[in-house]
């Protein structure tokens, strides 16, 4: 979340940055200035009453020592004590109101982020690859997958419900091959440490990365500890992870790292779970918007002065996967009105899908600066003249998909489809597919 001191001293700048995100500062920041003024006045008056109490206490001691009556002074001390306690309560309540307010205020866009209200103002930074020219009408992945018997949405709906899928045979193998390929490349060539985190997290973790309290309806909550109470962030309740970003980032929650250990780079392959609230009617067919999907996630912890360069590195790491798979893509710099809640700057990688004749997001790579670190209380101790400083500071966090496995699966089916409906396997994946070069129709006793 935002630094209260920064907001206090740069309120006009903060308000303008929020306007670029399409927010009304009068709503987002409510009565910040008035509450903050009342808080500071209460603190000042509390300190004044303490000083007066100390003065009177000394006067009482002197009066008693000389045998004089100190009743009036003692009554004044009692009154000042009661007043001071009330002022402390008022200051604490104001501070709580300000902190609660900050929990729902998004991060401020970096200066290099283009202004704009929605995705139409996003800027194309680069393109890579050649959009394939097919001598037949390309099909969307759901038609290809169902015809080949590798994707079964109907049986998944019977088992669980809408927006789930069962994968069979070479299709299931392709998903596993993609995950292994991505993990191998990131760990062997890009310097990431592989992590296998829990698939469930507590509400404190979701608060730390910015999913709570604002996006509770997008998450799947387990009711083993009772219903979720907004504002109550527990250690022992359970939520299914929407992305491995949440457990990976919270590995260092409430910890202070040494500067010498930064940058730390983690990657993880996990299932992810999203309710897709607000997406009713969108992408109802296929794998694009499922309730459960697999993803290889990249997370970095770095020094503030390194985060911009690390953002570029992380994005390039994700792009490398697409390039080695031979999938045409473009990099988009998101505008102020299209960024996620916690992000200061985001690149989206969009892959070309011939069956839908459009680019679709396959990775979102974001620099959160210190926003998540403040929420999760992740600090580092800078080196000063070669020695750790006494006062720690908040580090910067970054994350991105490297890549969304299901959407990469989609891109391969659509870009590598052949006229007969079979799918060529990208060359780099052939070793992961036991030497198979084509995905053909699956055979099994359940098929007609």
Protein backbone atom coordinates (compact mmCIF):
# COMPACT_ATOMS: atom_id res chain seq x y z
CA UNK A 1 0.00 0.00 0.00
CA UNK A 2 1.04 3.62 -0.21
CA UNK A 3 3.27 5.26 2.38
CA UNK A 4 1.15 7.46 4.63
CA UNK A 5 3.95 10.00 5.01
CA UNK A 6 4.33 10.22 1.23
CA UNK A 7 0.58 10.72 0.72
CA UNK A 8 0.52 13.36 3.47
CA UNK A 9 3.33 15.44 1.97
CA UNK A 10 2.42 14.85 -1.69
CA UNK A 11 -1.37 14.80 -1.55
CA UNK A 12 -1.92 16.83 -4.73
CA UNK A 13 0.43 14.57 -6.70
CA UNK A 14 -1.25 11.43 -5.34
CA UNK A 15 -4.68 12.79 -6.26
CA UNK A 16 -3.55 13.51 -9.80
CA UNK A 17 -2.03 10.02 -10.18
CA UNK A 18 -5.30 8.48 -9.01
CA UNK A 19 -7.20 10.54 -11.58
CA UNK A 20 -5.03 9.01 -14.32
CA UNK A 21 -6.28 5.62 -13.11
CA UNK A 22 -9.85 6.78 -13.59
CA UNK A 23 -10.53 7.23 -9.88
CA UNK A 24 -12.11 10.18 -8.11
CA UNK A 25 -9.70 11.21 -5.31
CA UNK A 26 -12.63 12.56 -3.32
CA UNK A 27 -13.93 8.99 -3.17
CA UNK A 28 -10.65 7.02 -3.07
CA UNK A 29 -9.08 9.23 -0.42
CA UNK A 30 -12.38 10.26 1.20
CA UNK A 31 -11.56 12.88 3.86
CA UNK A 32 -7.86 12.08 4.06
CA UNK A 33 -6.73 15.66 4.69
CA UNK A 34 -9.38 16.30 7.35
CA UNK A 35 -8.74 13.00 9.13
CA UNK A 36 -4.99 13.51 8.99
CA UNK A 37 -5.31 17.07 10.32
CA UNK A 38 -7.50 15.85 13.19
CA UNK A 39 -4.97 13.11 13.93
CA UNK A 40 -2.04 15.51 14.07
CA UNK A 41 -4.01 17.98 16.19
CA UNK A 42 -4.89 15.20 18.64
CA UNK A 43 -1.24 14.16 18.84
CA UNK A 44 -0.09 17.75 19.38
CA UNK A 45 -2.69 18.38 22.06
CA UNK A 46 -1.85 15.05 23.72
CA UNK A 47 1.81 16.03 23.89
CA UNK A 48 0.81 19.43 25.32
CA UNK A 49 -1.28 17.81 28.05
CA UNK A 50 1.60 15.48 28.92
CA UNK A 51 3.94 18.43 29.27
CA UNK A 52 1.43 20.26 31.46
CA UNK A 53 0.93 17.15 33.61
CA UNK A 54 4.68 16.85 34.08
CA UNK A 55 4.87 20.51 35.08
CA UNK A 56 2.03 20.13 37.58
CA UNK A 57 3.49 16.90 38.96
CA UNK A 58 6.70 18.75 39.76
CA UNK A 59 4.68 21.58 41.31
CA UNK A 60 2.71 19.08 43.44
CA UNK A 61 5.90 17.55 44.76
CA UNK A 62 7.24 20.97 45.68
CA UNK A 63 3.99 21.97 47.42
CA UNK A 64 3.81 18.74 49.40
CA UNK A 65 7.45 19.07 50.37
CA UNK A 66 6.75 22.55 51.78
CA UNK A 67 3.57 21.38 53.52
CA UNK A 68 1.19 23.32 51.27
CA UNK A 69 -2.15 22.20 49.84
CA UNK A 70 -1.87 20.68 46.31
CA UNK A 71 -5.48 19.61 45.84
CA UNK A 72 -6.25 21.90 42.92
CA UNK A 73 -3.11 20.84 41.10
CA UNK A 74 -3.91 17.18 41.70
CA UNK A 75 -7.43 17.66 40.33
CA UNK A 76 -5.94 19.36 37.29
CA UNK A 77 -3.57 16.42 36.72
CA UNK A 78 -6.51 13.99 36.82
CA UNK A 79 -8.42 16.08 34.30
CA UNK A 80 -5.40 16.36 32.04
CA UNK A 81 -4.82 12.61 32.24
CA UNK A 82 -8.41 11.90 31.17
CA UNK A 83 -8.14 14.44 28.38
CA UNK A 84 -4.84 12.99 27.23
CA UNK A 85 -6.22 9.46 27.16
CA UNK A 86 -9.13 10.66 25.06
CA UNK A 87 -6.78 12.41 22.67
CA UNK A 88 -4.64 9.27 22.32
CA UNK A 89 -7.74 7.26 21.49
CA UNK A 90 -8.81 9.90 18.94
CA UNK A 91 -5.34 9.88 17.33
CA UNK A 92 -5.29 6.06 17.21
CA UNK A 93 -8.77 5.95 15.66
CA UNK A 94 -7.77 8.51 13.03
CA UNK A 95 -4.62 6.53 12.28
CA UNK A 96 -6.70 3.35 11.86
CA UNK A 97 -9.10 5.16 9.51
CA UNK A 98 -6.18 6.36 7.39
CA UNK A 99 -4.62 2.90 7.24
CA UNK A 100 -7.96 1.29 6.38
CA UNK A 101 -8.32 3.88 3.63
CA UNK A 102 -4.88 3.05 2.23
CA UNK A 103 -5.81 -0.64 2.00
CA UNK A 104 -8.23 0.12 -0.82
CA UNK A 105 -6.17 2.75 -2.67
CA UNK A 106 -4.27 1.34 -5.69
CA UNK A 107 -0.61 1.82 -6.44
CA UNK A 108 0.48 4.97 -8.24
CA UNK A 109 1.52 4.59 -11.90
CA UNK A 110 5.19 5.08 -12.69
CA UNK A 111 6.01 8.21 -14.68
CA UNK A 112 6.83 6.10 -17.76
CA UNK A 113 3.30 4.63 -17.90
CA UNK A 114 1.17 6.14 -20.70
CA UNK A 115 -2.01 7.98 -19.76
CA UNK A 116 -5.29 6.42 -20.79
CA UNK A 117 -8.69 5.26 -19.63
CA UNK A 118 -8.71 1.67 -20.92
CA UNK A 119 -6.96 -0.93 -23.08
CA UNK A 120 -7.38 1.23 -26.19
CA UNK A 121 -4.63 3.53 -24.84
CA UNK A 122 -2.13 0.72 -24.29
CA UNK A 123 1.07 1.09 -26.31
CA UNK A 124 2.55 -1.62 -28.50
CA UNK A 125 6.25 -1.76 -27.63
CA UNK A 126 7.38 -4.58 -29.93
CA UNK A 127 6.25 -7.50 -32.04
CA UNK A 128 8.03 -10.77 -32.67
CA UNK A 129 7.50 -13.54 -35.17
CA UNK A 130 5.51 -13.89 -38.34
CA UNK A 131 1.78 -14.47 -38.20
CA UNK A 132 1.30 -17.84 -39.94
CA UNK A 133 -0.39 -17.94 -43.33
CA UNK A 134 -2.51 -21.09 -43.53
CA UNK A 135 -3.92 -22.51 -46.77
CA UNK A 136 -7.03 -23.61 -44.93
CA UNK A 137 -9.49 -22.00 -42.56
CA UNK A 138 -7.96 -22.23 -39.06
CA UNK A 139 -10.11 -23.62 -36.27
CA UNK A 140 -10.28 -22.42 -32.65
CA UNK A 141 -8.58 -24.60 -30.09
CA UNK A 142 -11.77 -25.96 -28.56
CA UNK A 143 -12.85 -27.44 -31.88
CA UNK A 144 -9.39 -28.87 -32.50
CA UNK A 145 -9.06 -30.30 -29.00
CA UNK A 146 -12.50 -31.87 -28.91
CA UNK A 147 -12.08 -33.41 -32.38
CA UNK A 148 -8.74 -34.92 -31.37
CA UNK A 149 -10.11 -36.20 -28.08
CA UNK A 150 -7.55 -34.29 -25.99
CA UNK A 151 -10.01 -31.80 -24.49
CA UNK A 152 -13.35 -32.75 -22.94
CA UNK A 153 -15.40 -29.84 -21.60
CA UNK A 154 -18.67 -31.78 -21.41
CA UNK A 155 -17.39 -34.41 -19.00
CA UNK A 156 -15.62 -31.76 -16.94
CA UNK A 157 -18.93 -29.92 -16.57
CA UNK A 158 -20.52 -33.17 -15.38
CA UNK A 159 -17.74 -33.73 -12.85
CA UNK A 160 -17.42 -30.17 -11.54
CA UNK A 161 -19.32 -27.55 -13.50
CA UNK A 162 -18.78 -24.98 -16.22
CA UNK A 163 -15.34 -23.61 -17.05
CA UNK A 164 -13.38 -26.74 -16.26
CA UNK A 165 -11.77 -29.25 -18.62
CA UNK A 166 -10.53 -32.83 -18.67
CA UNK A 167 -7.43 -33.46 -20.79
CA UNK A 168 -6.53 -36.85 -22.22
CA UNK A 169 -3.52 -38.60 -23.69
CA UNK A 170 -1.17 -36.46 -25.71
CA UNK A 171 -3.12 -33.38 -24.64
CA UNK A 172 -2.40 -34.02 -20.97
CA UNK A 173 1.18 -34.83 -21.92
CA UNK A 174 1.51 -31.53 -23.81
CA UNK A 175 0.46 -29.57 -20.71
CA UNK A 176 3.08 -31.38 -18.63
CA UNK A 177 5.71 -30.94 -21.34
CA UNK A 178 5.10 -27.20 -21.44
CA UNK A 179 5.43 -26.86 -17.67
CA UNK A 180 8.68 -28.85 -17.59
CA UNK A 181 10.11 -26.90 -20.53
CA UNK A 182 9.31 -23.56 -18.90
CA UNK A 183 10.71 -24.56 -15.51
CA UNK A 184 13.89 -25.97 -17.07
CA UNK A 185 14.52 -22.81 -19.08
CA UNK A 186 13.89 -20.45 -16.16
CA UNK A 187 15.99 -22.41 -13.68
CA UNK A 188 18.85 -23.42 -15.98
CA UNK A 189 19.23 -20.27 -18.07
CA UNK A 190 17.44 -17.40 -16.31
CA UNK A 191 18.67 -17.93 -12.76
CA UNK A 192 15.38 -18.67 -10.98
CA UNK A 193 15.08 -21.01 -8.01
CA UNK A 194 12.19 -23.44 -8.41
CA UNK A 195 9.69 -23.48 -5.55
CA UNK A 196 6.75 -25.80 -4.88
CA UNK A 197 4.48 -23.67 -2.67
CA UNK A 198 1.14 -24.49 -1.00
CA UNK A 199 -1.92 -24.24 -3.22
CA UNK A 200 -3.85 -22.63 -0.36
CA UNK A 201 -2.95 -19.43 1.48
CA UNK A 202 -4.36 -17.47 4.41
CA UNK A 203 -6.01 -14.07 4.19
CA UNK A 204 -2.89 -12.30 5.51
CA UNK A 205 -1.04 -13.52 2.42
CA UNK A 206 -3.79 -12.31 0.10
CA UNK A 207 -3.75 -8.93 1.81
CA UNK A 208 0.03 -8.76 1.36
CA UNK A 209 -0.12 -9.07 -2.43
CA UNK A 210 -3.21 -6.87 -2.79
CA UNK A 211 -6.02 -9.36 -3.57
CA UNK A 212 -7.76 -8.55 -0.28
CA UNK A 213 -9.84 -6.71 0.62
CA UNK A 214 -10.76 -5.36 -2.82
CA UNK A 215 -10.99 -8.58 -4.85
CA UNK A 216 -12.51 -11.11 -2.46
CA UNK A 217 -15.25 -12.00 -4.94
CA UNK A 218 -12.65 -13.11 -7.49
CA UNK A 219 -11.27 -15.75 -5.11
CA UNK A 220 -12.35 -19.17 -3.87
CA UNK A 221 -12.63 -19.17 -0.08
CA UNK A 222 -12.68 -22.38 1.98
CA UNK A 223 -15.24 -22.31 4.78
CA UNK A 224 -13.38 -24.68 7.13
CA UNK A 225 -12.67 -21.70 9.43
CA UNK A 226 -16.03 -20.04 8.91
CA UNK A 227 -17.02 -17.27 6.52
CA UNK A 228 -14.63 -14.52 5.50
CA UNK A 229 -15.03 -11.36 7.55
CA UNK A 230 -13.91 -8.30 5.57
CA UNK A 231 -11.02 -6.57 7.29
CA UNK A 232 -10.15 -9.63 9.40
CA UNK A 233 -6.91 -11.04 8.00
CA UNK A 234 -6.20 -14.37 9.65
CA UNK A 235 -3.25 -16.72 9.93
CA UNK A 236 -5.24 -19.94 9.75
CA UNK A 237 -8.07 -19.48 7.24
CA UNK A 238 -7.73 -20.90 3.73
CA UNK A 239 -8.16 -19.64 0.17
CA UNK A 240 -7.25 -21.34 -3.10
CA UNK A 241 -4.44 -19.41 -4.76
CA UNK A 242 -5.35 -17.23 -7.78
CA UNK A 243 -1.68 -17.33 -8.81
CA UNK A 244 1.61 -18.53 -7.34
CA UNK A 245 2.51 -14.86 -6.94
CA UNK A 246 0.67 -14.96 -3.60
CA UNK A 247 2.56 -17.77 -1.81
CA UNK A 248 5.89 -16.87 -3.43
CA UNK A 249 5.74 -13.21 -2.42
CA UNK A 250 4.65 -14.07 1.11
CA UNK A 251 7.61 -16.37 1.66
CA UNK A 252 9.38 -13.32 3.09
CA UNK A 253 6.40 -11.64 4.76
CA UNK A 254 7.42 -9.91 8.02
CA UNK A 255 11.10 -10.56 7.29
CA UNK A 256 14.14 -8.35 6.69
CA UNK A 257 16.57 -9.52 4.02
CA UNK A 258 20.21 -8.59 3.52
CA UNK A 259 21.01 -6.42 0.52
CA UNK A 260 23.80 -8.83 -0.41
CA UNK A 261 21.15 -11.53 -1.05
CA UNK A 262 19.18 -9.45 -3.58
CA UNK A 263 17.98 -9.93 -6.29
CA UNK A 264 16.11 -13.14 -5.34
CA UNK A 265 14.26 -14.84 -8.22
CA UNK A 266 11.67 -17.60 -7.71
CA UNK A 267 9.61 -19.60 -10.18
CA UNK A 268 6.79 -22.05 -9.48
CA UNK A 269 4.39 -24.26 -11.40
CA UNK A 270 0.98 -24.46 -9.73
CA UNK A 271 -2.69 -24.79 -10.39
CA UNK A 272 -4.50 -21.48 -10.01
CA UNK A 273 -8.13 -20.86 -9.11
CA UNK A 274 -10.28 -17.85 -9.97
CA UNK A 275 -14.00 -17.32 -9.75
CA UNK A 276 -13.91 -15.04 -12.83
CA UNK A 277 -16.46 -12.77 -11.19
CA UNK A 278 -17.58 -10.08 -13.59
CA UNK A 279 -16.59 -12.09 -16.68
CA UNK A 280 -19.99 -13.64 -17.32
CA UNK A 281 -20.52 -14.05 -21.04
CA UNK A 282 -16.83 -13.57 -21.88
CA UNK A 283 -14.73 -16.40 -23.33
CA UNK A 284 -17.31 -18.99 -22.38
CA UNK A 285 -15.79 -21.54 -24.76
CA UNK A 286 -12.38 -23.10 -24.51
CA UNK A 287 -9.45 -22.67 -22.17
CA UNK A 288 -9.04 -18.90 -22.11
CA UNK A 289 -11.02 -18.20 -18.94
CA UNK A 290 -11.20 -21.30 -16.75
CA UNK A 291 -11.86 -21.54 -13.02
CA UNK A 292 -8.80 -23.81 -12.70
CA UNK A 293 -5.69 -23.42 -14.82
CA UNK A 294 -1.97 -24.05 -14.58
CA UNK A 295 0.71 -21.41 -14.66
CA UNK A 296 4.47 -21.01 -14.28
CA UNK A 297 4.95 -17.86 -12.22
CA UNK A 298 8.05 -15.66 -11.88
CA UNK A 299 8.61 -13.52 -8.77
CA UNK A 300 11.53 -11.23 -7.91
CA UNK A 301 12.63 -9.39 -4.74
CA UNK A 302 15.06 -6.60 -5.51
CA UNK A 303 16.54 -3.28 -4.44
CA UNK A 304 14.52 -0.21 -5.42
CA UNK A 305 17.30 1.04 -7.70
CA UNK A 306 17.31 -2.28 -9.57
CA UNK A 307 13.59 -2.89 -10.02
CA UNK A 308 13.22 -1.16 -13.39
CA UNK A 309 16.02 -3.23 -14.91
CA UNK A 310 14.70 -6.40 -13.26
CA UNK A 311 11.27 -5.67 -14.72
CA UNK A 312 12.80 -5.67 -18.19
CA UNK A 313 14.72 -8.88 -17.38
CA UNK A 314 11.62 -10.67 -16.10
CA UNK A 315 9.62 -9.67 -19.17
CA UNK A 316 12.40 -10.88 -21.47
CA UNK A 317 12.49 -14.19 -19.60
CA UNK A 318 8.80 -14.69 -20.39
CA UNK A 319 9.28 -13.60 -24.01
CA UNK A 320 12.06 -16.16 -24.45
CA UNK A 321 9.56 -18.97 -23.84
CA UNK A 322 7.34 -17.69 -26.67
CA UNK A 323 10.28 -17.26 -29.01
CA UNK A 324 11.64 -20.76 -28.43
CA UNK A 325 8.16 -22.15 -29.05
CA UNK A 326 7.95 -20.12 -32.26
CA UNK A 327 4.76 -18.33 -31.22
CA UNK A 328 4.19 -14.82 -32.64
CA UNK A 329 3.54 -12.25 -29.94
CA UNK A 330 3.55 -8.57 -29.11
CA UNK A 331 4.54 -6.66 -25.97
CA UNK A 332 2.06 -4.05 -24.75
CA UNK A 333 2.77 -1.33 -22.18
CA UNK A 334 -0.45 -0.91 -20.23
CA UNK A 335 -1.83 2.58 -19.71
CA UNK A 336 -2.78 4.05 -16.35
CA UNK A 337 -6.41 3.04 -16.62
CA UNK A 338 -5.75 -0.60 -17.53
CA UNK A 339 -3.18 -1.63 -14.91
CA UNK A 340 -3.83 -3.97 -12.01
CA UNK A 341 -4.52 -2.68 -8.51
CA UNK A 342 -1.01 -3.29 -7.11
CA UNK A 343 1.05 -2.46 -10.18
CA UNK A 344 3.17 0.62 -10.83
CA UNK A 345 4.02 -0.53 -14.37
CA UNK A 346 2.89 -3.53 -16.41
CA UNK A 347 3.82 -5.15 -19.70
CA UNK A 348 1.33 -7.60 -21.19
CA UNK A 349 2.58 -10.22 -23.62
CA UNK A 350 -0.09 -11.15 -26.14
CA UNK A 351 0.20 -14.24 -28.34
CA UNK A 352 -1.36 -14.55 -31.80
CA UNK A 353 -4.23 -17.04 -32.08
CA UNK A 354 -5.09 -17.90 -35.72
CA UNK A 355 -8.31 -19.68 -34.81
CA UNK A 356 -9.63 -16.48 -33.27
CA UNK A 357 -7.67 -14.11 -35.56
CA UNK A 358 -6.52 -11.96 -32.66
CA UNK A 359 -3.84 -11.46 -30.03
CA UNK A 360 -4.65 -12.68 -26.52
CA UNK A 361 -2.84 -12.02 -23.25
CA UNK A 362 -0.55 -14.85 -22.20
CA UNK A 363 1.56 -13.10 -19.56
CA UNK A 364 1.32 -9.98 -17.44
CA UNK A 365 4.67 -8.76 -16.07
CA UNK A 366 4.46 -6.12 -13.35
CA UNK A 367 6.69 -3.98 -11.18
CA UNK A 368 4.92 -3.30 -7.88
CA UNK A 369 7.75 -1.18 -6.48
CA UNK A 370 7.29 -1.07 -2.66
CA UNK A 371 3.48 -1.41 -2.73
CA UNK A 372 3.31 -5.13 -1.87
CA UNK A 373 6.35 -4.94 0.40
CA UNK A 374 4.58 -2.39 2.60
CA UNK A 375 1.45 -4.52 2.80
CA UNK A 376 3.44 -7.69 3.55
CA UNK A 377 6.14 -5.91 5.61
CA UNK A 378 9.08 -7.19 3.55
CA UNK A 379 12.21 -5.14 4.11
CA UNK A 380 15.89 -5.27 3.32
CA UNK A 381 18.89 -3.82 5.12
CA UNK A 382 20.92 -1.62 2.75
CA UNK A 383 24.69 -1.68 2.82
CA UNK A 384 26.33 1.58 3.90
CA UNK A 385 30.10 1.71 3.40
CA UNK A 386 30.02 -2.07 3.12
CA UNK A 387 28.14 -2.58 6.37
CA UNK A 388 24.42 -3.29 6.95
CA UNK A 389 22.51 -0.12 7.83
CA UNK A 390 20.74 0.07 11.18
CA UNK A 391 17.45 1.11 9.59
CA UNK A 392 15.90 -1.30 7.06
CA UNK A 393 13.88 -0.17 4.05
CA UNK A 394 11.14 -1.69 1.94
CA UNK A 395 12.37 -3.64 -1.08
CA UNK A 396 10.60 -3.88 -4.45
CA UNK A 397 8.66 -6.90 -5.71
CA UNK A 398 7.93 -7.98 -9.28
CA UNK A 399 6.07 -10.83 -10.87
CA UNK A 400 4.91 -12.21 -14.20
CA UNK A 401 3.64 -15.36 -15.83
CA UNK A 402 6.38 -17.31 -17.44
CA UNK A 403 3.94 -18.46 -18.92
CA UNK A 404 0.27 -19.26 -18.41
CA UNK A 405 0.47 -22.92 -19.42
CA UNK A 406 -3.13 -23.31 -20.57
CA UNK A 407 -2.97 -20.28 -22.84
CA UNK A 408 0.36 -21.48 -24.26
CA UNK A 409 -1.37 -24.81 -24.94
CA UNK A 410 -4.10 -22.88 -26.78
CA UNK A 411 -1.51 -21.00 -28.83
CA UNK A 412 0.23 -24.22 -29.87
CA UNK A 413 -3.00 -25.90 -30.94
CA UNK A 414 -4.03 -22.92 -33.04
CA UNK A 415 -0.62 -21.95 -34.50
CA UNK A 416 0.59 -25.50 -35.18
CA UNK A 417 -2.67 -26.93 -36.53
CA UNK A 418 -2.62 -28.75 -39.85
CA UNK A 419 -5.26 -29.11 -42.53
CA UNK A 420 -6.26 -32.58 -41.26
CA UNK A 421 -6.82 -31.24 -37.73
CA UNK A 422 -3.67 -32.73 -36.22
CA UNK A 423 -1.17 -30.59 -34.33
CA UNK A 424 2.55 -30.37 -35.00
CA UNK A 425 4.63 -30.32 -31.83
CA UNK A 426 7.12 -27.42 -31.55
CA UNK A 427 10.66 -28.66 -31.96
CA UNK A 428 11.79 -27.68 -28.43
CA UNK A 429 8.98 -29.76 -26.93
CA UNK A 430 9.67 -32.98 -28.87
CA UNK A 431 12.14 -34.30 -26.24
CA UNK A 432 9.48 -33.64 -23.56
CA UNK A 433 6.93 -35.59 -25.65
CA UNK A 434 9.08 -38.74 -25.89
CA UNK A 435 10.03 -37.93 -29.47
CA UNK A 436 6.48 -37.61 -30.77
CA UNK A 437 6.13 -34.94 -33.44
CA UNK A 438 2.37 -34.81 -34.01
CA UNK A 439 -0.71 -34.89 -31.80
CA UNK A 440 -3.30 -37.05 -33.53
CA UNK A 441 -6.74 -38.30 -32.59
CA UNK A 442 -6.65 -40.09 -29.24
CA UNK A 443 -7.85 -43.68 -29.10
CA UNK A 444 -9.71 -45.18 -26.17
CA UNK A 445 -12.73 -47.36 -25.27
CA UNK A 446 -14.76 -44.24 -24.34
CA UNK A 447 -14.55 -42.86 -27.88
CA UNK A 448 -17.20 -43.57 -30.47
